[in-house]
Amino acid sequence: MIEITVNGQARRYDAPLDVSRLLDLLDLTGKRLAVELNGEIVPKSQHATTPLADGDRLEVVVAVGGG
């Protein structure tokens, strides 16, 4: 079990967990978004290969269109 913070909210998940799986769990798969892990942007191409560890802090920003 790991505890991570997503957008300021503490969450617990079973390990192992990567960014891509987290986005699945948050129902954000396929949406246009940016992910920051511990202050560093994680490129979309690296979501599936970026593991999450206990204590990690993530900010997930979903792009919204408008006009």
Foldseek 3Di string as FASTA:
>chain_A
DAWEAEQNRIDDDDDWDFQVVVCVVVVNPPFDKWKAKPRHTDDPVCRVPGTDHHYIYMYIGTDDDDD
